[in-house]
Amino acid sequence: VDKFQATVSEWVNAQVTPGIRAEVEFRGATRP
């Protein structure tokens, strides 16, 4: 779960165009 959240944040920032600032806010997680 912890690694997953970092993975999503990295993906979002890699996707956005220069000139766009991205903020990713997680609200906790429940493990499987």
ModelCIF file with pLDDT and N, C-alpha, C, O atoms, coordinates in Angstrom:
data_MODEL
#
_entry.id   MODEL 
#
_entity.id                         1 
_entity.type                       polymer 
_entity.pdbx_number_of_molecules   1 
#
_entity_poly.entity_id                      1 
_entity_poly.type                           'polypeptide(L)' 
_entity_poly.nstd_linkage                   no 
_entity_poly.nstd_monomer                   no 
_entity_poly.pdbx_seq_one_letter_code       VDKFQATVSEWVNAQVTPGIRAEVEFRGATRP 
_entity_poly.pdbx_seq_one_letter_code_can   VDKFQATVSEWVNAQVTPGIRAEVEFRGATRP 
_entity_poly.pdbx_strand_id                 A 
#
loop_
_entity_poly_seq.entity_id 
_entity_poly_seq.num 
_entity_poly_seq.mon_id 
_entity_poly_seq.hetero 
1 1  VAL n 
1 2  ASP n 
1 3  LYS n 
1 4  PHE n 
1 5  GLN n 
1 6  ALA n 
1 7  THR n 
1 8  VAL n 
1 9  SER n 
1 10 GLU n 
1 11 TRP n 
1 12 VAL n 
1 13 ASN n 
1 14 ALA n 
1 15 GLN n 
1 16 VAL n 
1 17 THR n 
1 18 PRO n 
1 19 GLY n 
1 20 ILE n 
1 21 ARG n 
1 22 ALA n 
1 23 GLU n 
1 24 VAL n 
1 25 GLU n 
1 26 PHE n 
1 27 ARG n 
1 28 GLY n 
1 29 ALA n 
1 30 THR n 
1 31 ARG n 
1 32 PRO n 
#
_struct_asym.id          A 
_struct_asym.entity_id   1 
#
loop_
_ma_qa_metric.id 
_ma_qa_metric.mode 
_ma_qa_metric.name 
_ma_qa_metric.software_group_id 
_ma_qa_metric.type 
1 global pLDDT . pLDDT 
2 local  pLDDT . pLDDT 
#
_ma_qa_metric_global.metric_id      1 
_ma_qa_metric_global.metric_value   92.34 
_ma_qa_metric_global.model_id       1 
_ma_qa_metric_global.ordinal_id     1 
#
loop_
_ma_qa_metric_local.label_asym_id 
_ma_qa_metric_local.label_comp_id 
_ma_qa_metric_local.label_seq_id 
_ma_qa_metric_local.metric_id 
_ma_qa_metric_local.metric_value 
_ma_qa_metric_local.model_id 
_ma_qa_metric_local.ordinal_id 
A VAL 1  2 84.00 1 1  
A ASP 2  2 82.00 1 2  
A LYS 3  2 88.00 1 3  
A PHE 4  2 88.00 1 4  
A GLN 5  2 91.00 1 5  
A ALA 6  2 93.00 1 6  
A THR 7  2 95.00 1 7  
A VAL 8  2 96.00 1 8  
A SER 9  2 96.00 1 9  
A GLU 10 2 96.00 1 10 
A TRP 11 2 97.00 1 11 
A VAL 12 2 97.00 1 12 
A ASN 13 2 96.00 1 13 
A ALA 14 2 96.00 1 14 
A GLN 15 2 95.00 1 15 
A VAL 16 2 95.00 1 16 
A THR 17 2 95.00 1 17 
A PRO 18 2 96.00 1 18 
A GLY 19 2 96.00 1 19 
A ILE 20 2 97.00 1 20 
A ARG 21 2 97.00 1 21 
A ALA 22 2 98.00 1 22 
A GLU 23 2 97.00 1 23 
A VAL 24 2 97.00 1 24 
A GLU 25 2 97.00 1 25 
A PHE 26 2 94.00 1 26 
A ARG 27 2 87.00 1 27 
A GLY 28 2 76.00 1 28 
A ALA 29 2 83.00 1 29 
A THR 30 2 83.00 1 30 
A ARG 31 2 86.00 1 31 
A PRO 32 2 91.00 1 32 
#
loop_
_atom_site.group_PDB 
_atom_site.id 
_atom_site.type_symbol 
_atom_site.label_atom_id 
_atom_site.label_alt_id 
_atom_site.label_comp_id 
_atom_site.label_asym_id 
_atom_site.label_entity_id 
_atom_site.label_seq_id 
_atom_site.pdbx_PDB_ins_code 
_atom_site.Cartn_x 
_atom_site.Cartn_y 
_atom_site.Cartn_z 
_atom_site.occupancy 
_atom_site.B_iso_or_equiv 
_atom_site.pdbx_formal_charge 
_atom_site.auth_seq_id 
_atom_site.auth_comp_id 
_atom_site.auth_asym_id 
_atom_site.auth_atom_id 
_atom_site.pdbx_PDB_model_num 
ATOM 1   N N  . VAL A 1 1  ? 0.817  -1.207 0.000   1.00 84.00 ? 1  VAL A N  1 
ATOM 2   C CA . VAL A 1 1  ? 0.000  0.000  0.000   1.00 84.00 ? 1  VAL A CA 1 
ATOM 3   C C  . VAL A 1 1  ? 0.856  1.265  0.000   1.00 84.00 ? 1  VAL A C  1 
ATOM 4   O O  . VAL A 1 1  ? 0.573  2.205  -0.742  1.00 84.00 ? 1  VAL A O  1 
ATOM 5   N N  . ASP A 1 2  ? 1.898  1.291  0.826   1.00 82.00 ? 2  ASP A N  1 
ATOM 6   C CA . ASP A 1 2  ? 2.731  2.494  0.899   1.00 82.00 ? 2  ASP A CA 1 
ATOM 7   C C  . ASP A 1 2  ? 3.467  2.733  -0.421  1.00 82.00 ? 2  ASP A C  1 
ATOM 8   O O  . ASP A 1 2  ? 3.509  3.857  -0.919  1.00 82.00 ? 2  ASP A O  1 
ATOM 9   N N  . LYS A 1 3  ? 4.036  1.686  -0.974  1.00 88.00 ? 3  LYS A N  1 
ATOM 10  C CA . LYS A 1 3  ? 4.716  1.802  -2.256  1.00 88.00 ? 3  LYS A CA 1 
ATOM 11  C C  . LYS A 1 3  ? 3.737  2.175  -3.357  1.00 88.00 ? 3  LYS A C  1 
ATOM 12  O O  . LYS A 1 3  ? 4.064  2.951  -4.255  1.00 88.00 ? 3  LYS A O  1 
ATOM 13  N N  . PHE A 1 4  ? 2.533  1.619  -3.282  1.00 88.00 ? 4  PHE A N  1 
ATOM 14  C CA . PHE A 1 4  ? 1.512  1.889  -4.284  1.00 88.00 ? 4  PHE A CA 1 
ATOM 15  C C  . PHE A 1 4  ? 1.177  3.381  -4.361  1.00 88.00 ? 4  PHE A C  1 
ATOM 16  O O  . PHE A 1 4  ? 1.055  3.937  -5.453  1.00 88.00 ? 4  PHE A O  1 
ATOM 17  N N  . GLN A 1 5  ? 1.030  4.017  -3.211  1.00 91.00 ? 5  GLN A N  1 
ATOM 18  C CA . GLN A 1 5  ? 0.700  5.436  -3.214  1.00 91.00 ? 5  GLN A CA 1 
ATOM 19  C C  . GLN A 1 5  ? 1.803  6.258  -3.859  1.00 91.00 ? 5  GLN A C  1 
ATOM 20  O O  . GLN A 1 5  ? 1.521  7.202  -4.597  1.00 91.00 ? 5  GLN A O  1 
ATOM 21  N N  . ALA A 1 6  ? 3.059  5.908  -3.589  1.00 93.00 ? 6  ALA A N  1 
ATOM 22  C CA . ALA A 1 6  ? 4.171  6.602  -4.234  1.00 93.00 ? 6  ALA A CA 1 
ATOM 23  C C  . ALA A 1 6  ? 4.162  6.359  -5.738  1.00 93.00 ? 6  ALA A C  1 
ATOM 24  O O  . ALA A 1 6  ? 4.467  7.262  -6.518  1.00 93.00 ? 6  ALA A O  1 
ATOM 25  N N  . THR A 1 7  ? 3.812  5.143  -6.146  1.00 95.00 ? 7  THR A N  1 
ATOM 26  C CA . THR A 1 7  ? 3.761  4.801  -7.568  1.00 95.00 ? 7  THR A CA 1 
ATOM 27  C C  . THR A 1 7  ? 2.725  5.645  -8.291  1.00 95.00 ? 7  THR A C  1 
ATOM 28  O O  . THR A 1 7  ? 2.990  6.143  -9.386  1.00 95.00 ? 7  THR A O  1 
ATOM 29  N N  . VAL A 1 8  ? 1.551  5.815  -7.698  1.00 96.00 ? 8  VAL A N  1 
ATOM 30  C CA . VAL A 1 8  ? 0.500  6.618  -8.320  1.00 96.00 ? 8  VAL A CA 1 
ATOM 31  C C  . VAL A 1 8  ? 0.925  8.076  -8.427  1.00 96.00 ? 8  VAL A C  1 
ATOM 32  O O  . VAL A 1 8  ? 0.727  8.705  -9.467  1.00 96.00 ? 8  VAL A O  1 
ATOM 33  N N  . SER A 1 9  ? 1.502  8.612  -7.372  1.00 96.00 ? 9  SER A N  1 
ATOM 34  C CA . SER A 1 9  ? 1.942  10.012 -7.394  1.00 96.00 ? 9  SER A CA 1 
ATOM 35  C C  . SER A 1 9  ? 2.990  10.242 -8.478  1.00 96.00 ? 9  SER A C  1 
ATOM 36  O O  . SER A 1 9  ? 2.938  11.242 -9.193  1.00 96.00 ? 9  SER A O  1 
ATOM 37  N N  . GLU A 1 10 ? 3.942  9.316  -8.600  1.00 96.00 ? 10 GLU A N  1 
ATOM 38  C CA . GLU A 1 10 ? 4.969  9.447  -9.641  1.00 96.00 ? 10 GLU A CA 1 
ATOM 39  C C  . GLU A 1 10 ? 4.353  9.394  -11.027 1.00 96.00 ? 10 GLU A C  1 
ATOM 40  O O  . GLU A 1 10 ? 4.756  10.146 -11.913 1.00 96.00 ? 10 GLU A O  1 
ATOM 41  N N  . TRP A 1 11 ? 3.386  8.518  -11.222 1.00 97.00 ? 11 TRP A N  1 
ATOM 42  C CA . TRP A 1 11 ? 2.726  8.409  -12.526 1.00 97.00 ? 11 TRP A CA 1 
ATOM 43  C C  . TRP A 1 11 ? 1.990  9.690  -12.879 1.00 97.00 ? 11 TRP A C  1 
ATOM 44  O O  . TRP A 1 11 ? 2.085  10.169 -14.009 1.00 97.00 ? 11 TRP A O  1 
ATOM 45  N N  . VAL A 1 12 ? 1.261  10.246 -11.930 1.00 97.00 ? 12 VAL A N  1 
ATOM 46  C CA . VAL A 1 12 ? 0.525  11.486 -12.197 1.00 97.00 ? 12 VAL A CA 1 
ATOM 47  C C  . VAL A 1 12 ? 1.480  12.596 -12.622 1.00 97.00 ? 12 VAL A C  1 
ATOM 48  O O  . VAL A 1 12 ? 1.233  13.286 -13.611 1.00 97.00 ? 12 VAL A O  1 
ATOM 49  N N  . ASN A 1 13 ? 2.557  12.768 -11.884 1.00 96.00 ? 13 ASN A N  1 
ATOM 50  C CA . ASN A 1 13 ? 3.501  13.847 -12.203 1.00 96.00 ? 13 ASN A CA 1 
ATOM 51  C C  . ASN A 1 13 ? 4.212  13.613 -13.523 1.00 96.00 ? 13 ASN A C  1 
ATOM 52  O O  . ASN A 1 13 ? 4.605  14.570 -14.190 1.00 96.00 ? 13 ASN A O  1 
ATOM 53  N N  . ALA A 1 14 ? 4.384  12.346 -13.915 1.00 96.00 ? 14 ALA A N  1 
ATOM 54  C CA . ALA A 1 14 ? 5.008  12.055 -15.205 1.00 96.00 ? 14 ALA A CA 1 
ATOM 55  C C  . ALA A 1 14 ? 4.053  12.318 -16.363 1.00 96.00 ? 14 ALA A C  1 
ATOM 56  O O  . ALA A 1 14 ? 4.492  12.547 -17.490 1.00 96.00 ? 14 ALA A O  1 
ATOM 57  N N  . GLN A 1 15 ? 2.751  12.288 -16.093 1.00 95.00 ? 15 GLN A N  1 
ATOM 58  C CA . GLN A 1 15 ? 1.766  12.452 -17.165 1.00 95.00 ? 15 GLN A CA 1 
ATOM 59  C C  . GLN A 1 15 ? 1.499  13.911 -17.523 1.00 95.00 ? 15 GLN A C  1 
ATOM 60  O O  . GLN A 1 15 ? 1.213  14.226 -18.678 1.00 95.00 ? 15 GLN A O  1 
ATOM 61  N N  . VAL A 1 16 ? 1.591  14.799 -16.539 1.00 95.00 ? 16 VAL A N  1 
ATOM 62  C CA . VAL A 1 16 ? 1.109  16.157 -16.773 1.00 95.00 ? 16 VAL A CA 1 
ATOM 63  C C  . VAL A 1 16 ? 2.090  16.966 -17.619 1.00 95.00 ? 16 VAL A C  1 
ATOM 64  O O  . VAL A 1 16 ? 3.302  16.754 -17.585 1.00 95.00 ? 16 VAL A O  1 
ATOM 65  N N  . THR A 1 17 ? 1.531  17.882 -18.363 1.00 95.00 ? 17 THR A N  1 
ATOM 66  C CA . THR A 1 17 ? 2.280  18.768 -19.250 1.00 95.00 ? 17 THR A CA 1 
ATOM 67  C C  . THR A 1 17 ? 3.052  19.809 -18.435 1.00 95.00 ? 17 THR A C  1 
ATOM 68  O O  . THR A 1 17 ? 2.557  20.260 -17.402 1.00 95.00 ? 17 THR A O  1 
ATOM 69  N N  . PRO A 1 18 ? 4.251  20.199 -18.875 1.00 96.00 ? 18 PRO A N  1 
ATOM 70  C CA . PRO A 1 18 ? 4.932  21.332 -18.226 1.00 96.00 ? 18 PRO A CA 1 
ATOM 71  C C  . PRO A 1 18 ? 4.011  22.551 -18.189 1.00 96.00 ? 18 PRO A C  1 
ATOM 72  O O  . PRO A 1 18 ? 3.330  22.866 -19.165 1.00 96.00 ? 18 PRO A O  1 
ATOM 73  N N  . GLY A 1 19 ? 4.006  23.214 -17.064 1.00 96.00 ? 19 GLY A N  1 
ATOM 74  C CA . GLY A 1 19 ? 3.095  24.342 -16.883 1.00 96.00 ? 19 GLY A CA 1 
ATOM 75  C C  . GLY A 1 19 ? 1.870  23.977 -16.071 1.00 96.00 ? 19 GLY A C  1 
ATOM 76  O O  . GLY A 1 19 ? 1.103  24.851 -15.666 1.00 96.00 ? 19 GLY A O  1 
ATOM 77  N N  . ILE A 1 20 ? 1.680  22.672 -15.830 1.00 97.00 ? 20 ILE A N  1 
ATOM 78  C CA . ILE A 1 20 ? 0.600  22.195 -14.957 1.00 97.00 ? 20 ILE A CA 1 
ATOM 79  C C  . ILE A 1 20 ? 1.229  21.667 -13.671 1.00 97.00 ? 20 ILE A C  1 
ATOM 80  O O  . ILE A 1 20 ? 2.148  20.849 -13.703 1.00 97.00 ? 20 ILE A O  1 
ATOM 81  N N  . ARG A 1 21 ? 0.726  22.142 -12.558 1.00 97.00 ? 21 ARG A N  1 
ATOM 82  C CA . ARG A 1 21 ? 1.199  21.648 -11.268 1.00 97.00 ? 21 ARG A CA 1 
ATOM 83  C C  . ARG A 1 21 ? 0.169  20.665 -10.715 1.00 97.00 ? 21 ARG A C  1 
ATOM 84  O O  . ARG A 1 21 ? -1.015 20.984 -10.603 1.00 97.00 ? 21 ARG A O  1 
ATOM 85  N N  . ALA A 1 22 ? 0.639  19.468 -10.372 1.00 98.00 ? 22 ALA A N  1 
ATOM 86  C CA . ALA A 1 22 ? -0.261 18.423 -9.883  1.00 98.00 ? 22 ALA A CA 1 
ATOM 87  C C  . ALA A 1 22 ? -0.065 18.203 -8.391  1.00 98.00 ? 22 ALA A C  1 
ATOM 88  O O  . ALA A 1 22 ? 1.065  18.163 -7.904  1.00 98.00 ? 22 ALA A O  1 
ATOM 89  N N  . GLU A 1 23 ? -1.151 18.063 -7.683  1.00 97.00 ? 23 GLU A N  1 
ATOM 90  C CA . GLU A 1 23 ? -1.140 17.676 -6.270  1.00 97.00 ? 23 GLU A CA 1 
ATOM 91  C C  . GLU A 1 23 ? -1.947 16.393 -6.122  1.00 97.00 ? 23 GLU A C  1 
ATOM 92  O O  . GLU A 1 23 ? -3.070 16.303 -6.617  1.00 97.00 ? 23 GLU A O  1 
ATOM 93  N N  . VAL A 1 24 ? -1.375 15.396 -5.439  1.00 97.00 ? 24 VAL A N  1 
ATOM 94  C CA . VAL A 1 24 ? -2.050 14.122 -5.219  1.00 97.00 ? 24 VAL A CA 1 
ATOM 95  C C  . VAL A 1 24 ? -2.204 13.917 -3.716  1.00 97.00 ? 24 VAL A C  1 
ATOM 96  O O  . VAL A 1 24 ? -1.219 13.839 -2.982  1.00 97.00 ? 24 VAL A O  1 
ATOM 97  N N  . GLU A 1 25 ? -3.449 13.832 -3.275  1.00 97.00 ? 25 GLU A N  1 
ATOM 98  C CA . GLU A 1 25 ? -3.724 13.677 -1.848  1.00 97.00 ? 25 GLU A CA 1 
ATOM 99  C C  . GLU A 1 25 ? -4.440 12.362 -1.598  1.00 97.00 ? 25 GLU A C  1 
ATOM 100 O O  . GLU A 1 25 ? -5.572 12.172 -2.045  1.00 97.00 ? 25 GLU A O  1 
ATOM 101 N N  . PHE A 1 26 ? -3.783 11.447 -0.882  1.00 94.00 ? 26 PHE A N  1 
ATOM 102 C CA . PHE A 1 26 ? -4.411 10.190 -0.482  1.00 94.00 ? 26 PHE A CA 1 
ATOM 103 C C  . PHE A 1 26 ? -5.069 10.364 0.874   1.00 94.00 ? 26 PHE A C  1 
ATOM 104 O O  . PHE A 1 26 ? -4.590 11.116 1.722   1.00 94.00 ? 26 PHE A O  1 
ATOM 105 N N  . ARG A 1 27 ? -6.173 9.657  1.064   1.00 87.00 ? 27 ARG A N  1 
ATOM 106 C CA . ARG A 1 27 ? -6.901 9.744  2.327   1.00 87.00 ? 27 ARG A CA 1 
ATOM 107 C C  . ARG A 1 27 ? -6.837 8.416  3.082   1.00 87.00 ? 27 ARG A C  1 
ATOM 108 O O  . ARG A 1 27 ? -7.861 7.904  3.536   1.00 87.00 ? 27 ARG A O  1 
ATOM 109 N N  . GLY A 1 28 ? -5.657 7.874  3.210   1.00 76.00 ? 28 GLY A N  1 
ATOM 110 C CA . GLY A 1 28 ? -5.506 6.625  3.937   1.00 76.00 ? 28 GLY A CA 1 
ATOM 111 C C  . GLY A 1 28 ? -5.828 5.434  3.046   1.00 76.00 ? 28 GLY A C  1 
ATOM 112 O O  . GLY A 1 28 ? -6.253 5.602  1.903   1.00 76.00 ? 28 GLY A O  1 
ATOM 113 N N  . ALA A 1 29 ? -5.626 4.244  3.567   1.00 83.00 ? 29 ALA A N  1 
ATOM 114 C CA . ALA A 1 29 ? -5.852 3.035  2.789   1.00 83.00 ? 29 ALA A CA 1 
ATOM 115 C C  . ALA A 1 29 ? -6.181 1.878  3.719   1.00 83.00 ? 29 ALA A C  1 
ATOM 116 O O  . ALA A 1 29 ? -5.763 1.845  4.876   1.00 83.00 ? 29 ALA A O  1 
ATOM 117 N N  . THR A 1 30 ? -6.932 0.943  3.188   1.00 83.00 ? 30 THR A N  1 
ATOM 118 C CA . THR A 1 30 ? -7.209 -0.315 3.873   1.00 83.00 ? 30 THR A CA 1 
ATOM 119 C C  . THR A 1 30 ? -6.502 -1.422 3.116   1.00 83.00 ? 30 THR A C  1 
ATOM 120 O O  . THR A 1 30 ? -6.648 -1.540 1.899   1.00 83.00 ? 30 THR A O  1 
ATOM 121 N N  . ARG A 1 31 ? -5.747 -2.222 3.822   1.00 86.00 ? 31 ARG A N  1 
ATOM 122 C CA . ARG A 1 31 ? -4.971 -3.272 3.170   1.00 86.00 ? 31 ARG A CA 1 
ATOM 123 C C  . ARG A 1 31 ? -5.860 -4.465 2.819   1.00 86.00 ? 31 ARG A C  1 
ATOM 124 O O  . ARG A 1 31 ? -6.860 -4.712 3.493   1.00 86.00 ? 31 ARG A O  1 
ATOM 125 N N  . PRO A 1 32 ? -5.505 -5.197 1.780   1.00 91.00 ? 32 PRO A N  1 
ATOM 126 C CA . PRO A 1 32 ? -6.251 -6.403 1.444   1.00 91.00 ? 32 PRO A CA 1 
ATOM 127 C C  . PRO A 1 32 ? -5.908 -7.542 2.392   1.00 91.00 ? 32 PRO A C  1 
ATOM 128 O O  . PRO A 1 32 ? -6.447 -8.641 2.257   1.00 91.00 ? 32 PRO A O  1 
#
